[in-house]
Amino acid sequence: MTKLDLVLARIRQLPPEQQEALAEQIEYALDHQGADSLLTDAQWAEVEAALADDSEPVSPHEDVFARLRNQTAK
């Protein structure tokens, strides 16, 4: 079995809504091979607007990664 076969088998074990979400991500990645970013221009515009907005909350790098580690540990 190839690695792709193993990954697809794992995806098929997920609930249908998670399968669909992953399929959309894979399809997007395939459609945008070689692109510099996985975000659309509209998504980048939202990110840039939020970064420019001083009223937006800012989390230090260490806090962000600590939260991600805690989420994956659950």
N, C-alpha and C. Protein backbone atom coordinates (compact mmCIF):
# COMPACT_ATOMS: atom_id res chain seq x y z
N MET A 1 0.83 -1.19 0.00
CA MET A 1 0.00 0.00 0.00
C MET A 1 0.88 1.25 0.00
N THR A 2 0.50 2.22 -0.80
CA THR A 2 1.25 3.47 -0.82
C THR A 2 0.83 4.35 0.34
N LYS A 3 1.61 5.37 0.60
CA LYS A 3 1.25 6.32 1.66
C LYS A 3 -0.10 6.97 1.34
N LEU A 4 -0.34 7.28 0.07
CA LEU A 4 -1.61 7.86 -0.33
C LEU A 4 -2.77 6.93 0.00
N ASP A 5 -2.61 5.64 -0.27
CA ASP A 5 -3.64 4.66 0.07
C ASP A 5 -3.93 4.66 1.57
N LEU A 6 -2.87 4.72 2.37
CA LEU A 6 -3.03 4.72 3.82
C LEU A 6 -3.76 5.97 4.30
N VAL A 7 -3.41 7.10 3.73
CA VAL A 7 -4.06 8.37 4.12
C VAL A 7 -5.53 8.35 3.71
N LEU A 8 -5.81 7.89 2.50
CA LEU A 8 -7.20 7.82 2.04
C LEU A 8 -8.02 6.87 2.91
N ALA A 9 -7.44 5.78 3.34
CA ALA A 9 -8.14 4.86 4.23
C ALA A 9 -8.48 5.55 5.55
N ARG A 10 -7.55 6.33 6.07
CA ARG A 10 -7.81 7.08 7.31
C ARG A 10 -8.91 8.11 7.11
N ILE A 11 -8.88 8.79 5.96
CA ILE A 11 -9.91 9.80 5.69
C ILE A 11 -11.28 9.14 5.60
N ARG A 12 -11.35 7.98 4.98
CA ARG A 12 -12.64 7.29 4.82
C ARG A 12 -13.24 6.85 6.16
N GLN A 13 -12.42 6.78 7.21
CA GLN A 13 -12.92 6.40 8.53
C GLN A 13 -13.52 7.58 9.28
N LEU A 14 -13.31 8.79 8.78
CA LEU A 14 -13.82 9.99 9.44
C LEU A 14 -15.30 10.19 9.13
N PRO A 15 -15.99 10.99 9.95
CA PRO A 15 -17.39 11.33 9.64
C PRO A 15 -17.47 12.06 8.30
N PRO A 16 -18.58 11.96 7.61
CA PRO A 16 -18.73 12.55 6.27
C PRO A 16 -18.38 14.05 6.20
N GLU A 17 -18.75 14.82 7.20
CA GLU A 17 -18.46 16.26 7.14
C GLU A 17 -16.96 16.53 7.22
N GLN A 18 -16.23 15.72 7.98
CA GLN A 18 -14.77 15.87 8.03
C GLN A 18 -14.12 15.41 6.73
N GLN A 19 -14.67 14.34 6.15
CA GLN A 19 -14.17 13.88 4.85
C GLN A 19 -14.34 14.98 3.81
N GLU A 20 -15.49 15.62 3.81
CA GLU A 20 -15.77 16.69 2.85
C GLU A 20 -14.82 17.87 3.05
N ALA A 21 -14.57 18.25 4.30
CA ALA A 21 -13.67 19.37 4.59
C ALA A 21 -12.26 19.06 4.10
N LEU A 22 -11.79 17.86 4.35
CA LEU A 22 -10.45 17.47 3.88
C LEU A 22 -10.40 17.39 2.36
N ALA A 23 -11.46 16.89 1.75
CA ALA A 23 -11.50 16.82 0.29
C ALA A 23 -11.42 18.21 -0.32
N GLU A 24 -12.09 19.17 0.29
CA GLU A 24 -12.03 20.55 -0.20
C GLU A 24 -10.62 21.12 -0.08
N GLN A 25 -9.96 20.83 1.04
CA GLN A 25 -8.59 21.31 1.23
C GLN A 25 -7.64 20.69 0.22
N ILE A 26 -7.80 19.39 -0.01
CA ILE A 26 -6.94 18.70 -0.98
C ILE A 26 -7.20 19.24 -2.38
N GLU A 27 -8.47 19.41 -2.72
CA GLU A 27 -8.79 19.94 -4.05
C GLU A 27 -8.21 21.34 -4.23
N TYR A 28 -8.32 22.17 -3.21
CA TYR A 28 -7.76 23.52 -3.30
C TYR A 28 -6.24 23.45 -3.50
N ALA A 29 -5.59 22.59 -2.73
CA ALA A 29 -4.14 22.45 -2.86
C ALA A 29 -3.75 21.98 -4.26
N LEU A 30 -4.51 21.05 -4.82
CA LEU A 30 -4.23 20.57 -6.17
C LEU A 30 -4.44 21.66 -7.21
N ASP A 31 -5.49 22.45 -7.02
CA ASP A 31 -5.80 23.51 -7.97
C ASP A 31 -4.80 24.66 -7.90
N HIS A 32 -4.12 24.79 -6.77
CA HIS A 32 -3.21 25.92 -6.58
C HIS A 32 -1.77 25.47 -6.37
N GLN A 33 -1.40 24.38 -7.00
CA GLN A 33 -0.02 23.91 -6.89
C GLN A 33 0.93 24.98 -7.40
N GLY A 34 1.98 25.20 -6.64
CA GLY A 34 2.96 26.20 -7.03
C GLY A 34 2.58 27.60 -6.59
N ALA A 35 1.39 27.77 -6.04
CA ALA A 35 0.99 29.09 -5.55
C ALA A 35 1.81 29.42 -4.31
N ASP A 36 2.01 30.69 -4.08
CA ASP A 36 2.80 31.12 -2.94
C ASP A 36 2.06 30.98 -1.61
N SER A 37 0.74 30.86 -1.64
CA SER A 37 -0.03 30.86 -0.41
C SER A 37 -1.26 29.97 -0.54
N LEU A 38 -1.71 29.44 0.58
CA LEU A 38 -2.96 28.69 0.61
C LEU A 38 -4.16 29.61 0.84
N LEU A 39 -3.90 30.88 1.18
CA LEU A 39 -4.98 31.83 1.39
C LEU A 39 -5.35 32.51 0.08
N THR A 40 -6.63 32.80 -0.07
CA THR A 40 -7.08 33.57 -1.23
C THR A 40 -6.71 35.02 -1.02
N ASP A 41 -6.81 35.82 -2.08
CA ASP A 41 -6.54 37.25 -1.96
C ASP A 41 -7.48 37.91 -0.96
N ALA A 42 -8.75 37.47 -0.96
CA ALA A 42 -9.73 38.03 -0.03
C ALA A 42 -9.36 37.68 1.41
N GLN A 43 -8.90 36.45 1.63
CA GLN A 43 -8.50 36.05 2.98
C GLN A 43 -7.28 36.84 3.44
N TRP A 44 -6.32 37.05 2.52
CA TRP A 44 -5.15 37.85 2.87
C TRP A 44 -5.55 39.28 3.22
N ALA A 45 -6.52 39.82 2.49
CA ALA A 45 -6.99 41.17 2.77
C ALA A 45 -7.58 41.25 4.18
N GLU A 46 -8.31 40.22 4.60
CA GLU A 46 -8.86 40.17 5.96
C GLU A 46 -7.74 40.12 6.99
N VAL A 47 -6.74 39.30 6.74
CA VAL A 47 -5.60 39.18 7.66
C VAL A 47 -4.88 40.52 7.78
N GLU A 48 -4.60 41.13 6.65
CA GLU A 48 -3.88 42.41 6.67
C GLU A 48 -4.68 43.49 7.37
N ALA A 49 -6.01 43.51 7.16
CA ALA A 49 -6.86 44.50 7.83
C ALA A 49 -6.84 44.28 9.34
N ALA A 50 -6.90 43.02 9.76
CA ALA A 50 -6.87 42.72 11.20
C ALA A 50 -5.52 43.10 11.81
N LEU A 51 -4.45 42.86 11.07
CA LEU A 51 -3.12 43.22 11.58
C LEU A 51 -2.95 44.73 11.69
N ALA A 52 -3.58 45.46 10.80
CA ALA A 52 -3.47 46.92 10.82
C ALA A 52 -4.37 47.55 11.87
N ASP A 53 -5.35 46.80 12.36
CA ASP A 53 -6.31 47.32 13.33
C ASP A 53 -5.74 47.19 14.74
N ASP A 54 -5.39 48.33 15.34
CA ASP A 54 -4.78 48.32 16.67
C ASP A 54 -5.74 47.84 17.76
N SER A 55 -7.04 47.83 17.48
CA SER A 55 -7.99 47.35 18.49
C SER A 55 -8.11 45.83 18.52
N GLU A 56 -7.55 45.17 17.51
CA GLU A 56 -7.56 43.70 17.48
C GLU A 56 -6.62 43.17 18.56
N PRO A 57 -7.05 42.12 19.28
CA PRO A 57 -6.15 41.54 20.29
C PRO A 57 -4.96 40.85 19.62
N VAL A 58 -3.83 40.90 20.29
CA VAL A 58 -2.60 40.29 19.77
C VAL A 58 -2.09 39.30 20.81
N SER A 59 -1.74 38.11 20.36
CA SER A 59 -1.18 37.10 21.26
C SER A 59 0.29 36.90 20.94
N PRO A 60 1.12 36.83 21.97
CA PRO A 60 2.53 36.55 21.72
C PRO A 60 2.70 35.17 21.08
N HIS A 61 3.74 35.04 20.30
CA HIS A 61 4.06 33.80 19.58
C HIS A 61 4.01 32.59 20.52
N GLU A 62 4.60 32.72 21.69
CA GLU A 62 4.66 31.59 22.63
C GLU A 62 3.27 31.17 23.08
N ASP A 63 2.36 32.14 23.29
CA ASP A 63 0.99 31.82 23.71
C ASP A 63 0.24 31.06 22.63
N VAL A 64 0.43 31.48 21.39
CA VAL A 64 -0.25 30.82 20.28
C VAL A 64 0.17 29.35 20.20
N PHE A 65 1.46 29.11 20.24
CA PHE A 65 1.94 27.73 20.14
C PHE A 65 1.60 26.91 21.38
N ALA A 66 1.55 27.53 22.54
CA ALA A 66 1.13 26.82 23.75
C ALA A 66 -0.33 26.37 23.61
N ARG A 67 -1.18 27.24 23.06
CA ARG A 67 -2.58 26.87 22.86
C ARG A 67 -2.71 25.73 21.84
N LEU A 68 -1.93 25.82 20.76
CA LEU A 68 -1.97 24.75 19.75
C LEU A 68 -1.50 23.42 20.35
N ARG A 69 -0.45 23.47 21.15
CA ARG A 69 0.02 22.22 21.78
C ARG A 69 -1.05 21.66 22.72
N ASN A 70 -1.73 22.52 23.46
CA ASN A 70 -2.78 22.07 24.37
C ASN A 70 -3.95 21.46 23.60
N GLN A 71 -4.29 22.04 22.45
CA GLN A 71 -5.40 21.51 21.65
C GLN A 71 -5.05 20.14 21.09
N THR A 72 -3.84 19.95 20.63
CA THR A 72 -3.47 18.67 20.05
C THR A 72 -3.26 17.61 21.10
N ALA A 73 -3.00 18.02 22.34
CA ALA A 73 -2.80 17.07 23.42
C ALA A 73 -4.09 16.47 23.92
N LYS A 74 -5.20 17.09 23.60
CA LYS A 74 -6.51 16.62 24.09
C LYS A 74 -6.98 15.39 23.39
